[in-house]
Amino acid sequence: MKEFINKLLTGMSIGIVVSLIPNALVGELLKLLIPHFPALQQILDISILVMSMLPIMIGVTVGMTFKLTPIQTASIGLAAVVGSGVVQINESVMTLQGIGVVLNTGITAGLAVLFVKYIGAKLKDYTILLLPTLTIFFPGLFGYLILPYVKNGTGIIGVGIQQVTDFQPILMGAIIAVIFCVLILSPLSTVGVATVIMLSGIGAGAANLGIVSAGIGLCIASYKSNSLGTALAHVLGSPKIQMRNFFMKPKIAFPMLITAAILGALAGVLNVQGTSMSAGFGLSGLIGPLNYINLTPDGWTTSNITVMIAMFFVIPTVLNIILLRIFSTNLKMIKSEDYKIHIE
């Protein structure tokens, strides 16, 4: 069961990143440029369309993670779409809306994997005819039927987190930032978690700052043991490249976790907000800082720009430098070799 869940989560994470990263990298920048260059609207529309392909991508990447056949993998992709809720039917008109309910997509994909593996080669020559149909009408239909309940459940969790955060923004901001700082170093997708629980508001802003803390901190900590390009990949790409080192020596993340807690608390003080679509990216594509600006009532004012630069760049850099020096020189708990990326 543990191996099954691990493979399912790995497949979901890959599908989520592949589908959401194009818009994450260019979406916010395009929104700024489109008023001046209207032709760029088509590129933005394409990146949004790709986001709605998330359910089928999750199904396909999950199938590939389990090393299933092309027919089995495609069948899982179809079932995932059926159970995702990404397609809305209104008066016989079908429309794509958002990315669906990610949790239910994962549940449906997991059930579809069990189904196609149970069927195996039992259908023999009729596999290509019957397997897609049976997968849609059994695990796919089951996912479709439980969709309203799962959607309401995840919505309640998201609303609950937002209400608690609104009531106690400083404490909850710190907690959420630390959680996402750990998640970005785990096999779990921060984007997936944020979208599953529909994280928004200060909670999403704090989550972003937790990822920023990890990315900048690991970039600074690792540049002595790795190439400059590898070090920058922690910020421009993902801190997940330190996943192996983190699991071998969790203490290497202590400076980043403390930085995350401080930034998360400051997010509550300064009302740094985000959305469920932006909460898992950090500085990738400048999603975190640009979303903060876009969600402020007065937009690109001097004070908002100052807060953005301070919270997303200056403070995490300064705090990580100080804390890394304390943990390496004074406490001698970590050393630069601990952050060496082993590329085989």
C-alpha atoms as a PDB file:
ATOM      1  CA  MET A   1       0.000   0.000   0.000  1.00  0.00           C
ATOM      2  CA  LYS A   2       2.838   2.403   0.856  1.00  0.00           C
ATOM      3  CA  GLU A   3       4.482   1.800  -2.508  1.00  0.00           C
ATOM      4  CA  PHE A   4       1.141   2.237  -4.296  1.00  0.00           C
ATOM      5  CA  ILE A   5       0.473   5.599  -2.612  1.00  0.00           C
ATOM      6  CA  ASN A   6       4.033   6.749  -3.272  1.00  0.00           C
ATOM      7  CA  LYS A   7       3.729   5.958  -6.990  1.00  0.00           C
ATOM      8  CA  LEU A   8       0.295   7.587  -7.172  1.00  0.00           C
ATOM      9  CA  LEU A   9       1.542  10.785  -5.526  1.00  0.00           C
ATOM     10  CA  THR A  10       4.644  10.822  -7.719  1.00  0.00           C
ATOM     11  CA  GLY A  11       2.536  10.520 -10.861  1.00  0.00           C
ATOM     12  CA  MET A  12       0.154  13.226  -9.658  1.00  0.00           C
ATOM     13  CA  SER A  13       3.043  15.563  -8.849  1.00  0.00           C
ATOM     14  CA  ILE A  14       4.541  15.155 -12.317  1.00  0.00           C
ATOM     15  CA  GLY A  15       1.186  15.726 -14.014  1.00  0.00           C
ATOM     16  CA  ILE A  16       0.477  18.794 -11.891  1.00  0.00           C
ATOM     17  CA  VAL A  17       3.840  20.413 -12.580  1.00  0.00           C
ATOM     18  CA  VAL A  18       3.774  19.639 -16.316  1.00  0.00           C
ATOM     19  CA  SER A  19       0.281  21.091 -16.724  1.00  0.00           C
ATOM     20  CA  LEU A  20       0.612  24.161 -14.527  1.00  0.00           C
ATOM     21  CA  ILE A  21       4.220  25.256 -15.091  1.00  0.00           C
ATOM     22  CA  PRO A  22       3.709  26.881 -18.548  1.00  0.00           C
ATOM     23  CA  ASN A  23       1.132  29.329 -17.192  1.00  0.00           C
ATOM     24  CA  ALA A  24       3.101  29.674 -13.969  1.00  0.00           C
ATOM     25  CA  LEU A  25       6.197  30.784 -15.876  1.00  0.00           C
ATOM     26  CA  VAL A  26       4.600  33.253 -18.294  1.00  0.00           C
ATOM     27  CA  GLY A  27       1.010  33.912 -17.133  1.00  0.00           C
ATOM     28  CA  GLU A  28       1.596  36.850 -14.804  1.00  0.00           C
ATOM     29  CA  LEU A  29       4.163  38.480 -17.073  1.00  0.00           C
ATOM     30  CA  LEU A  30       1.834  38.163 -20.058  1.00  0.00           C
ATOM     31  CA  LYS A  31      -0.982  39.835 -18.129  1.00  0.00           C
ATOM     32  CA  LEU A  32       1.300  42.828 -17.663  1.00  0.00           C
ATOM     33  CA  LEU A  33       2.355  42.909 -21.323  1.00  0.00           C
ATOM     34  CA  ILE A  34      -0.979  42.192 -23.071  1.00  0.00           C
ATOM     35  CA  PRO A  35      -2.360  45.760 -22.661  1.00  0.00           C
ATOM     36  CA  HIS A  36       0.659  46.939 -24.678  1.00  0.00           C
ATOM     37  CA  PHE A  37       1.004  43.884 -26.979  1.00  0.00           C
ATOM     38  CA  PRO A  38      -2.501  42.430 -27.543  1.00  0.00           C
ATOM     39  CA  ALA A  39      -1.167  39.665 -29.814  1.00  0.00           C
ATOM     40  CA  LEU A  40       0.250  37.946 -26.710  1.00  0.00           C
ATOM     41  CA  GLN A  41      -3.317  37.115 -25.603  1.00  0.00           C
ATOM     42  CA  GLN A  42      -3.201  33.954 -27.737  1.00  0.00           C
ATOM     43  CA  ILE A  43      -0.163  32.684 -25.855  1.00  0.00           C
ATOM     44  CA  LEU A  44      -1.884  33.331 -22.527  1.00  0.00           C
ATOM     45  CA  ASP A  45      -5.024  31.535 -23.760  1.00  0.00           C
ATOM     46  CA  ILE A  46      -2.949  28.504 -24.777  1.00  0.00           C
ATOM     47  CA  SER A  47      -1.259  28.331 -21.373  1.00  0.00           C
ATOM     48  CA  ILE A  48      -4.678  28.498 -19.667  1.00  0.00           C
ATOM     49  CA  LEU A  49      -5.998  25.751 -21.945  1.00  0.00           C
ATOM     50  CA  VAL A  50      -3.054  23.551 -20.978  1.00  0.00           C
ATOM     51  CA  MET A  51      -3.953  24.032 -17.310  1.00  0.00           C
ATOM     52  CA  SER A  52      -7.369  22.496 -17.992  1.00  0.00           C
ATOM     53  CA  MET A  53      -5.573  19.439 -19.386  1.00  0.00           C
ATOM     54  CA  LEU A  54      -4.386  18.701 -15.838  1.00  0.00           C
ATOM     55  CA  PRO A  55      -6.768  15.750 -15.169  1.00  0.00           C
ATOM     56  CA  ILE A  56      -5.777  13.790 -18.265  1.00  0.00           C
ATOM     57  CA  MET A  57      -2.104  14.560 -17.620  1.00  0.00           C
ATOM     58  CA  ILE A  58      -2.434  13.216 -14.068  1.00  0.00           C
ATOM     59  CA  GLY A  59      -4.032  10.045 -15.421  1.00  0.00           C
ATOM     60  CA  VAL A  60      -1.301   9.564 -18.015  1.00  0.00           C
ATOM     61  CA  THR A  61       1.625  10.295 -15.684  1.00  0.00           C
ATOM     62  CA  VAL A  62       0.149   8.035 -12.990  1.00  0.00           C
ATOM     63  CA  GLY A  63      -0.155   5.235 -15.549  1.00  0.00           C
ATOM     64  CA  MET A  64       3.441   5.789 -16.644  1.00  0.00           C
ATOM     65  CA  THR A  65       4.642   5.777 -13.032  1.00  0.00           C
ATOM     66  CA  PHE A  66       3.047   2.337 -12.597  1.00  0.00           C
ATOM     67  CA  LYS A  67       4.677   1.237 -15.890  1.00  0.00           C
ATOM     68  CA  LEU A  68       1.357   0.272 -17.466  1.00  0.00           C
ATOM     69  CA  THR A  69       0.713  -0.345 -21.157  1.00  0.00           C
ATOM     70  CA  PRO A  70      -0.274   2.525 -23.482  1.00  0.00           C
ATOM     71  CA  ILE A  71      -3.911   1.320 -23.590  1.00  0.00           C
ATOM     72  CA  GLN A  72      -4.091   1.047 -19.802  1.00  0.00           C
ATOM     73  CA  THR A  73      -2.441   4.460 -19.375  1.00  0.00           C
ATOM     74  CA  ALA A  74      -4.788   6.150 -21.851  1.00  0.00           C
ATOM     75  CA  SER A  75      -7.795   4.537 -20.147  1.00  0.00           C
ATOM     76  CA  ILE A  76      -6.694   5.922 -16.780  1.00  0.00           C
ATOM     77  CA  GLY A  77      -6.348   9.371 -18.360  1.00  0.00           C
ATOM     78  CA  LEU A  78      -9.924   9.221 -19.642  1.00  0.00           C
ATOM     79  CA  ALA A  79     -11.277   8.042 -16.291  1.00  0.00           C
ATOM     80  CA  ALA A  80      -9.392  10.840 -14.504  1.00  0.00           C
ATOM     81  CA  VAL A  81     -11.087  13.439 -16.726  1.00  0.00           C
ATOM     82  CA  VAL A  82     -14.515  11.946 -15.981  1.00  0.00           C
ATOM     83  CA  GLY A  83     -13.934  12.092 -12.228  1.00  0.00           C
ATOM     84  CA  SER A  84     -12.179  15.468 -12.148  1.00  0.00           C
ATOM     85  CA  GLY A  85     -15.112  17.799 -12.697  1.00  0.00           C
ATOM     86  CA  VAL A  86     -13.084  19.880 -15.156  1.00  0.00           C
ATOM     87  CA  VAL A  87     -15.868  19.528 -17.734  1.00  0.00           C
ATOM     88  CA  GLN A  88     -19.052  21.401 -16.878  1.00  0.00           C
ATOM     89  CA  ILE A  89     -22.306  20.479 -18.648  1.00  0.00           C
ATOM     90  CA  ASN A  90     -24.931  23.228 -18.896  1.00  0.00           C
ATOM     91  CA  GLU A  91     -27.944  22.833 -21.172  1.00  0.00           C
ATOM     92  CA  SER A  92     -26.176  20.256 -23.342  1.00  0.00           C
ATOM     93  CA  VAL A  93     -23.127  22.531 -23.691  1.00  0.00           C
ATOM     94  CA  MET A  94     -19.818  21.195 -22.390  1.00  0.00           C
ATOM     95  CA  THR A  95     -17.173  23.663 -21.232  1.00  0.00           C
ATOM     96  CA  LEU A  96     -13.752  23.347 -19.615  1.00  0.00           C
ATOM     97  CA  GLN A  97     -13.632  25.128 -16.271  1.00  0.00           C
ATOM     98  CA  GLY A  98     -10.434  25.503 -14.289  1.00  0.00           C
ATOM     99  CA  ILE A  99      -8.441  22.386 -13.427  1.00  0.00           C
ATOM    100  CA  GLY A 100     -11.146  20.332 -11.719  1.00  0.00           C
ATOM    101  CA  VAL A 101     -10.900  18.931  -8.200  1.00  0.00           C
ATOM    102  CA  VAL A 102      -7.331  17.636  -7.955  1.00  0.00           C
ATOM    103  CA  LEU A 103      -7.997  15.342  -4.988  1.00  0.00           C
ATOM    104  CA  ASN A 104     -10.865  13.605  -6.768  1.00  0.00           C
ATOM    105  CA  THR A 105      -8.775  13.344  -9.929  1.00  0.00           C
ATOM    106  CA  GLY A 106      -6.132  11.508  -7.903  1.00  0.00           C
ATOM    107  CA  ILE A 107      -8.706   9.230  -6.255  1.00  0.00           C
ATOM    108  CA  THR A 108     -10.216   8.351  -9.636  1.00  0.00           C
ATOM    109  CA  ALA A 109      -6.790   7.733 -11.168  1.00  0.00           C
ATOM    110  CA  GLY A 110      -5.829   5.458  -8.252  1.00  0.00           C
ATOM    111  CA  LEU A 111      -9.036   3.438  -8.595  1.00  0.00           C
ATOM    112  CA  ALA A 112      -8.483   3.214 -12.361  1.00  0.00           C
ATOM    113  CA  VAL A 113      -4.984   1.825 -11.796  1.00  0.00           C
ATOM    114  CA  LEU A 114      -6.364  -0.892  -9.522  1.00  0.00           C
ATOM    115  CA  PHE A 115      -9.089  -1.632 -12.073  1.00  0.00           C
ATOM    116  CA  VAL A 116      -6.845  -1.987 -15.135  1.00  0.00           C
ATOM    117  CA  LYS A 117      -4.333  -4.065 -13.178  1.00  0.00           C
ATOM    118  CA  TYR A 118      -7.146  -6.355 -12.004  1.00  0.00           C
ATOM    119  CA  ILE A 119      -8.407  -6.737 -15.580  1.00  0.00           C
ATOM    120  CA  GLY A 120      -4.879  -7.379 -16.787  1.00  0.00           C
ATOM    121  CA  ALA A 121      -4.896  -9.583 -19.884  1.00  0.00           C
ATOM    122  CA  LYS A 122      -8.315 -11.097 -19.191  1.00  0.00           C
ATOM    123  CA  LEU A 123      -9.882  -9.317 -22.177  1.00  0.00           C
ATOM    124  CA  LYS A 124      -7.222 -10.684 -24.551  1.00  0.00           C
ATOM    125  CA  ASP A 125      -7.876  -9.534 -28.135  1.00  0.00           C
ATOM    126  CA  TYR A 126     -10.769  -7.330 -27.024  1.00  0.00           C
ATOM    127  CA  THR A 127      -8.638  -5.197 -24.695  1.00  0.00           C
ATOM    128  CA  ILE A 128      -8.408  -2.210 -27.028  1.00  0.00           C
ATOM    129  CA  LEU A 129     -12.195  -2.263 -27.508  1.00  0.00           C
ATOM    130  CA  LEU A 130     -13.396  -2.897 -23.976  1.00  0.00           C
ATOM    131  CA  LEU A 131     -10.771  -1.617 -21.530  1.00  0.00           C
ATOM    132  CA  PRO A 132     -11.258   2.144 -22.175  1.00  0.00           C
ATOM    133  CA  THR A 133     -15.042   1.745 -22.006  1.00  0.00           C
ATOM    134  CA  LEU A 134     -15.026  -0.332 -18.826  1.00  0.00           C
ATOM    135  CA  THR A 135     -12.518   2.013 -17.148  1.00  0.00           C
ATOM    136  CA  ILE A 136     -14.719   5.032 -17.896  1.00  0.00           C
ATOM    137  CA  PHE A 137     -17.918   3.347 -16.691  1.00  0.00           C
ATOM    138  CA  PHE A 138     -16.550   1.831 -13.481  1.00  0.00           C
ATOM    139  CA  PRO A 139     -13.740   3.808 -11.759  1.00  0.00           C
ATOM    140  CA  GLY A 140     -14.513   6.869 -13.925  1.00  0.00           C
ATOM    141  CA  LEU A 141     -18.210   6.857 -13.083  1.00  0.00           C
ATOM    142  CA  PHE A 142     -17.481   6.196  -9.414  1.00  0.00           C
ATOM    143  CA  GLY A 143     -15.212   9.242  -9.348  1.00  0.00           C
ATOM    144  CA  TYR A 144     -17.931  11.282 -11.041  1.00  0.00           C
ATOM    145  CA  LEU A 145     -20.499  10.219  -8.429  1.00  0.00           C
ATOM    146  CA  ILE A 146     -18.323  11.075  -5.418  1.00  0.00           C
ATOM    147  CA  LEU A 147     -17.144  14.369  -6.959  1.00  0.00           C
ATOM    148  CA  PRO A 148     -19.735  16.623  -5.211  1.00  0.00           C
ATOM    149  CA  TYR A 149     -18.833  15.203  -1.787  1.00  0.00           C
ATOM    150  CA  VAL A 150     -15.077  15.454  -2.298  1.00  0.00           C
ATOM    151  CA  LYS A 151     -15.442  18.975  -3.711  1.00  0.00           C
ATOM    152  CA  ASN A 152     -17.471  20.095  -0.701  1.00  0.00           C
ATOM    153  CA  GLY A 153     -14.996  18.460   1.673  1.00  0.00           C
ATOM    154  CA  THR A 154     -11.940  20.133   0.159  1.00  0.00           C
ATOM    155  CA  GLY A 155     -13.822  23.426   0.025  1.00  0.00           C
ATOM    156  CA  ILE A 156     -14.611  23.179   3.731  1.00  0.00           C
ATOM    157  CA  ILE A 157     -10.927  22.515   4.535  1.00  0.00           C
ATOM    158  CA  GLY A 158      -9.848  25.516   2.480  1.00  0.00           C
ATOM    159  CA  VAL A 159     -12.462  27.776   4.043  1.00  0.00           C
ATOM    160  CA  GLY A 160     -11.536  26.503   7.502  1.00  0.00           C
ATOM    161  CA  ILE A 161      -7.857  27.287   6.985  1.00  0.00           C
ATOM    162  CA  GLN A 162      -8.727  30.726   5.618  1.00  0.00           C
ATOM    163  CA  GLN A 163     -11.016  31.532   8.554  1.00  0.00           C
ATOM    164  CA  VAL A 164      -8.448  30.417  11.131  1.00  0.00           C
ATOM    165  CA  THR A 165      -5.797  32.401   9.263  1.00  0.00           C
ATOM    166  CA  ASP A 166      -8.008  35.492   9.252  1.00  0.00           C
ATOM    167  CA  PHE A 167      -8.607  35.049  12.990  1.00  0.00           C
ATOM    168  CA  GLN A 168      -4.931  34.405  13.841  1.00  0.00           C
ATOM    169  CA  PRO A 169      -2.939  35.487  10.755  1.00  0.00           C
ATOM    170  CA  ILE A 170       0.495  35.751  12.379  1.00  0.00           C
ATOM    171  CA  LEU A 171       0.510  32.291  13.992  1.00  0.00           C
ATOM    172  CA  MET A 172      -1.185  30.497  11.103  1.00  0.00           C
ATOM    173  CA  GLY A 173       1.007  32.321   8.594  1.00  0.00           C
ATOM    174  CA  ALA A 174       4.108  30.999  10.345  1.00  0.00           C
ATOM    175  CA  ILE A 175       2.720  27.451  10.550  1.00  0.00           C
ATOM    176  CA  ILE A 176       1.625  27.332   6.898  1.00  0.00           C
ATOM    177  CA  ALA A 177       4.965  28.742   5.703  1.00  0.00           C
ATOM    178  CA  VAL A 178       6.894  26.072   7.624  1.00  0.00           C
ATOM    179  CA  ILE A 179       4.621  23.309   6.312  1.00  0.00           C
ATOM    180  CA  PHE A 180       5.145  24.367   2.703  1.00  0.00           C
ATOM    181  CA  CYS A 181       8.879  24.777   3.279  1.00  0.00           C
ATOM    182  CA  VAL A 182       8.921  21.075   4.219  1.00  0.00           C
ATOM    183  CA  LEU A 183       6.529  20.054   1.437  1.00  0.00           C
ATOM    184  CA  ILE A 184       8.728  21.598  -1.269  1.00  0.00           C
ATOM    185  CA  LEU A 185      11.511  19.265  -0.103  1.00  0.00           C
ATOM    186  CA  SER A 186       9.253  16.190  -0.135  1.00  0.00           C
ATOM    187  CA  PRO A 187       7.835  14.041  -2.950  1.00  0.00           C
ATOM    188  CA  LEU A 188       4.474  15.794  -2.522  1.00  0.00           C
ATOM    189  CA  SER A 189       3.546  18.587  -4.911  1.00  0.00           C
ATOM    190  CA  THR A 190       3.098  21.958  -3.191  1.00  0.00           C
ATOM    191  CA  VAL A 191       0.959  23.031  -6.140  1.00  0.00           C
ATOM    192  CA  GLY A 192      -1.155  19.904  -5.709  1.00  0.00           C
ATOM    193  CA  VAL A 193      -1.607  20.402  -1.967  1.00  0.00           C
ATOM    194  CA  ALA A 194      -2.503  24.079  -2.407  1.00  0.00           C
ATOM    195  CA  THR A 195      -5.048  23.345  -5.114  1.00  0.00           C
ATOM    196  CA  VAL A 196      -6.482  20.312  -3.316  1.00  0.00           C
ATOM    197  CA  ILE A 197      -7.296  22.300  -0.165  1.00  0.00           C
ATOM    198  CA  MET A 198      -8.111  25.448  -2.191  1.00  0.00           C
ATOM    199  CA  LEU A 199      -5.639  27.547  -0.212  1.00  0.00           C
ATOM    200  CA  SER A 200      -6.090  31.297  -0.656  1.00  0.00           C
ATOM    201  CA  GLY A 201      -5.593  34.664   1.004  1.00  0.00           C
ATOM    202  CA  ILE A 202      -2.866  35.086   3.610  1.00  0.00           C
ATOM    203  CA  GLY A 203      -2.506  31.294   3.818  1.00  0.00           C
ATOM    204  CA  ALA A 204      -1.517  31.157   0.137  1.00  0.00           C
ATOM    205  CA  GLY A 205       0.824  34.107   0.564  1.00  0.00           C
ATOM    206  CA  ALA A 206       2.506  32.439   3.550  1.00  0.00           C
ATOM    207  CA  ALA A 207       2.800  29.183   1.609  1.00  0.00           C
ATOM    208  CA  ASN A 208       4.588  31.052  -1.174  1.00  0.00           C
ATOM    209  CA  LEU A 209       6.988  32.614   1.299  1.00  0.00           C
ATOM    210  CA  GLY A 210       7.752  29.188   2.783  1.00  0.00           C
ATOM    211  CA  ILE A 211       8.820  27.982  -0.667  1.00  0.00           C
ATOM    212  CA  VAL A 212      10.805  31.188  -1.250  1.00  0.00           C
ATOM    213  CA  SER A 213      12.634  30.580   2.040  1.00  0.00           C
ATOM    214  CA  ALA A 214      13.615  27.084   0.931  1.00  0.00           C
ATOM    215  CA  GLY A 215      14.658  28.120  -2.578  1.00  0.00           C
ATOM    216  CA  ILE A 216      16.797  31.118  -1.634  1.00  0.00           C
ATOM    217  CA  GLY A 217      18.273  29.419   1.433  1.00  0.00           C
ATOM    218  CA  LEU A 218      19.287  26.272  -0.431  1.00  0.00           C
ATOM    219  CA  CYS A 219      20.673  28.349  -3.284  1.00  0.00           C
ATOM    220  CA  ILE A 220      22.952  30.213  -0.868  1.00  0.00           C
ATOM    221  CA  ALA A 221      23.856  27.079   1.081  1.00  0.00           C
ATOM    222  CA  SER A 222      24.702  24.948  -1.938  1.00  0.00           C
ATOM    223  CA  TYR A 223      26.678  27.253  -4.218  1.00  0.00           C
ATOM    224  CA  LYS A 224      30.021  26.226  -2.677  1.00  0.00           C
ATOM    225  CA  SER A 225      29.423  22.527  -3.344  1.00  0.00           C
ATOM    226  CA  ASN A 226      27.669  22.832  -6.699  1.00  0.00           C
ATOM    227  CA  SER A 227      27.916  24.846  -9.895  1.00  0.00           C
ATOM    228  CA  LEU A 228      26.299  28.269 -10.024  1.00  0.00           C
ATOM    229  CA  GLY A 229      23.668  26.926 -12.416  1.00  0.00           C
ATOM    230  CA  THR A 230      22.758  24.125 -10.007  1.00  0.00           C
ATOM    231  CA  ALA A 231      22.561  26.575  -7.122  1.00  0.00           C
ATOM    232  CA  LEU A 232      20.289  28.920  -9.094  1.00  0.00           C
ATOM    233  CA  ALA A 233      18.074  25.962 -10.028  1.00  0.00           C
ATOM    234  CA  HIS A 234      16.826  25.957  -6.423  1.00  0.00           C
ATOM    235  CA  VAL A 235      15.224  29.353  -7.081  1.00  0.00           C
ATOM    236  CA  LEU A 236      14.485  29.342 -10.796  1.00  0.00           C
ATOM    237  CA  GLY A 237      13.439  25.687 -10.832  1.00  0.00           C
ATOM    238  CA  SER A 238      12.538  23.899  -7.621  1.00  0.00           C
ATOM    239  CA  PRO A 239      14.164  23.236  -4.227  1.00  0.00           C
ATOM    240  CA  LYS A 240      12.995  19.624  -4.694  1.00  0.00           C
ATOM    241  CA  ILE A 241      16.410  18.841  -6.176  1.00  0.00           C
ATOM    242  CA  GLN A 242      17.580  18.728  -2.522  1.00  0.00           C
ATOM    243  CA  MET A 243      14.985  16.059  -1.682  1.00  0.00           C
ATOM    244  CA  ARG A 244      17.529  13.259  -1.288  1.00  0.00           C
ATOM    245  CA  ASN A 245      19.844  15.348   0.917  1.00  0.00           C
ATOM    246  CA  PHE A 246      16.910  16.520   3.033  1.00  0.00           C
ATOM    247  CA  PHE A 247      15.736  12.970   3.742  1.00  0.00           C
ATOM    248  CA  MET A 248      19.271  11.857   4.549  1.00  0.00           C
ATOM    249  CA  LYS A 249      19.962  14.866   6.809  1.00  0.00           C
ATOM    250  CA  PRO A 250      16.801  16.822   7.728  1.00  0.00           C
ATOM    251  CA  LYS A 251      18.870  19.255   9.797  1.00  0.00           C
ATOM    252  CA  ILE A 252      20.143  20.937   6.612  1.00  0.00           C
ATOM    253  CA  ALA A 253      16.740  22.632   6.330  1.00  0.00           C
ATOM    254  CA  PHE A 254      16.729  24.168   9.833  1.00  0.00           C
ATOM    255  CA  PRO A 255      17.844  27.652   8.652  1.00  0.00           C
ATOM    256  CA  MET A 256      15.210  27.676   5.923  1.00  0.00           C
ATOM    257  CA  LEU A 257      12.466  26.522   8.307  1.00  0.00           C
ATOM    258  CA  ILE A 258      13.234  29.340  10.752  1.00  0.00           C
ATOM    259  CA  THR A 259      13.273  31.821   7.876  1.00  0.00           C
ATOM    260  CA  ALA A 260       9.933  30.445   6.690  1.00  0.00           C
ATOM    261  CA  ALA A 261       8.372  30.856  10.132  1.00  0.00           C
ATOM    262  CA  ILE A 262       9.488  34.488  10.346  1.00  0.00           C
ATOM    263  CA  LEU A 263       8.322  35.307   6.817  1.00  0.00           C
ATOM    264  CA  GLY A 264       5.009  33.520   7.371  1.00  0.00           C
ATOM    265  CA  ALA A 265       4.375  35.588  10.490  1.00  0.00           C
ATOM    266  CA  LEU A 266       5.255  38.763   8.589  1.00  0.00           C
ATOM    267  CA  ALA A 267       2.789  37.719   5.872  1.00  0.00           C
ATOM    268  CA  GLY A 268       0.069  37.922   8.515  1.00  0.00           C
ATOM    269  CA  VAL A 269       1.288  41.330   9.653  1.00  0.00           C
ATOM    270  CA  LEU A 270       1.672  42.825   6.159  1.00  0.00           C
ATOM    271  CA  ASN A 271      -1.315  41.018   4.585  1.00  0.00           C
ATOM    272  CA  VAL A 272       0.691  39.200   1.907  1.00  0.00           C
ATOM    273  CA  GLN A 273      -1.867  37.191  -0.070  1.00  0.00           C
ATOM    274  CA  GLY A 274      -1.997  34.653  -2.881  1.00  0.00           C
ATOM    275  CA  THR A 275      -4.308  32.206  -4.628  1.00  0.00           C
ATOM    276  CA  SER A 276      -4.545  28.411  -4.703  1.00  0.00           C
ATOM    277  CA  MET A 277      -3.010  28.506  -8.201  1.00  0.00           C
ATOM    278  CA  SER A 278      -0.010  30.560  -7.066  1.00  0.00           C
ATOM    279  CA  ALA A 279       0.617  29.167  -3.583  1.00  0.00           C
ATOM    280  CA  GLY A 280       2.875  26.308  -4.646  1.00  0.00           C
ATOM    281  CA  PHE A 281       5.343  28.081  -6.946  1.00  0.00           C
ATOM    282  CA  GLY A 282       7.359  30.521  -4.838  1.00  0.00           C
ATOM    283  CA  LEU A 283       9.638  32.582  -7.076  1.00  0.00           C
ATOM    284  CA  SER A 284       9.233  30.337 -10.135  1.00  0.00           C
ATOM    285  CA  GLY A 285       7.984  32.591 -12.921  1.00  0.00           C
ATOM    286  CA  LEU A 286       7.736  35.362 -10.299  1.00  0.00           C
ATOM    287  CA  ILE A 287       4.313  33.908  -9.507  1.00  0.00           C
ATOM    288  CA  GLY A 288       4.417  34.657  -5.778  1.00  0.00           C
ATOM    289  CA  PRO A 289       5.483  38.314  -5.871  1.00  0.00           C
ATOM    290  CA  LEU A 290       3.385  39.242  -8.913  1.00  0.00           C
ATOM    291  CA  ASN A 291       0.265  37.648  -7.436  1.00  0.00           C
ATOM    292  CA  TYR A 292       0.814  39.591  -4.229  1.00  0.00           C
ATOM    293  CA  ILE A 293       0.873  42.858  -6.192  1.00  0.00           C
ATOM    294  CA  ASN A 294      -2.147  41.897  -8.288  1.00  0.00           C
ATOM    295  CA  LEU A 295      -4.197  41.050  -5.189  1.00  0.00           C
ATOM    296  CA  THR A 296      -3.515  44.320  -3.393  1.00  0.00           C
ATOM    297  CA  PRO A 297      -6.353  46.877  -3.637  1.00  0.00           C
ATOM    298  CA  ASP A 298      -4.097  49.663  -4.961  1.00  0.00           C
ATOM    299  CA  GLY A 299      -1.752  47.632  -7.184  1.00  0.00           C
ATOM    300  CA  TRP A 300       1.709  48.873  -8.184  1.00  0.00           C
ATOM    301  CA  THR A 301       2.248  51.550  -5.558  1.00  0.00           C
ATOM    302  CA  THR A 302       5.634  52.358  -4.062  1.00  0.00           C
ATOM    303  CA  SER A 303       4.696  50.831  -0.711  1.00  0.00           C
ATOM    304  CA  ASN A 304       3.435  47.586  -2.277  1.00  0.00           C
ATOM    305  CA  ILE A 305       6.539  47.243  -4.449  1.00  0.00           C
ATOM    306  CA  THR A 306       8.719  47.841  -1.380  1.00  0.00           C
ATOM    307  CA  VAL A 307       6.877  45.132   0.579  1.00  0.00           C
ATOM    308  CA  MET A 308       7.162  42.724  -2.363  1.00  0.00           C
ATOM    309  CA  ILE A 309      10.919  43.243  -2.784  1.00  0.00           C
ATOM    310  CA  ALA A 310      11.505  43.010   0.961  1.00  0.00           C
ATOM    311  CA  MET A 311       9.363  39.926   1.601  1.00  0.00           C
ATOM    312  CA  PHE A 312      10.242  37.882  -1.468  1.00  0.00           C
ATOM    313  CA  PHE A 313      13.890  38.830  -1.977  1.00  0.00           C
ATOM    314  CA  VAL A 314      15.681  40.899   0.671  1.00  0.00           C
ATOM    315  CA  ILE A 315      14.466  39.445   3.979  1.00  0.00           C
ATOM    316  CA  PRO A 316      14.701  35.748   2.980  1.00  0.00           C
ATOM    317  CA  THR A 317      18.221  36.365   1.625  1.00  0.00           C
ATOM    318  CA  VAL A 318      19.451  38.201   4.733  1.00  0.00           C
ATOM    319  CA  LEU A 319      17.830  35.782   7.195  1.00  0.00           C
ATOM    320  CA  ASN A 320      19.177  32.720   5.409  1.00  0.00           C
ATOM    321  CA  ILE A 321      22.705  34.141   5.264  1.00  0.00           C
ATOM    322  CA  ILE A 322      22.651  34.885   8.998  1.00  0.00           C
ATOM    323  CA  LEU A 323      21.084  31.559   9.991  1.00  0.00           C
ATOM    324  CA  LEU A 324      23.351  29.521   7.722  1.00  0.00           C
ATOM    325  CA  ARG A 325      26.376  31.141   9.325  1.00  0.00           C
ATOM    326  CA  ILE A 326      25.013  30.389  12.809  1.00  0.00           C
ATOM    327  CA  PHE A 327      24.239  26.747  12.027  1.00  0.00           C
ATOM    328  CA  SER A 328      27.494  26.116  10.171  1.00  0.00           C
ATOM    329  CA  THR A 329      30.061  28.220  12.050  1.00  0.00           C
ATOM    330  CA  ASN A 330      28.680  28.574  15.571  1.00  0.00           C
ATOM    331  CA  LEU A 331      26.619  25.413  16.030  1.00  0.00           C
ATOM    332  CA  LYS A 332      28.564  23.335  13.481  1.00  0.00           C
ATOM    333  CA  MET A 333      25.408  21.392  12.643  1.00  0.00           C
ATOM    334  CA  ILE A 334      25.720  21.700   8.862  1.00  0.00           C
ATOM    335  CA  LYS A 335      28.461  22.060   6.245  1.00  0.00           C
ATOM    336  CA  SER A 336      28.456  22.963   2.575  1.00  0.00           C
ATOM    337  CA  GLU A 337      29.057  19.335   1.520  1.00  0.00           C
ATOM    338  CA  ASP A 338      25.663  18.413   2.962  1.00  0.00           C
ATOM    339  CA  TYR A 339      24.061  20.288   0.051  1.00  0.00           C
ATOM    340  CA  LYS A 340      26.011  18.546  -2.724  1.00  0.00           C
ATOM    341  CA  ILE A 341      23.709  17.474  -5.565  1.00  0.00           C
ATOM    342  CA  HIS A 342      24.579  13.990  -6.788  1.00  0.00           C
ATOM    343  CA  ILE A 343      23.675  13.705 -10.448  1.00  0.00           C
ATOM    344  CA  GLU A 344      24.118  10.171 -11.695  1.00  0.00           C
END
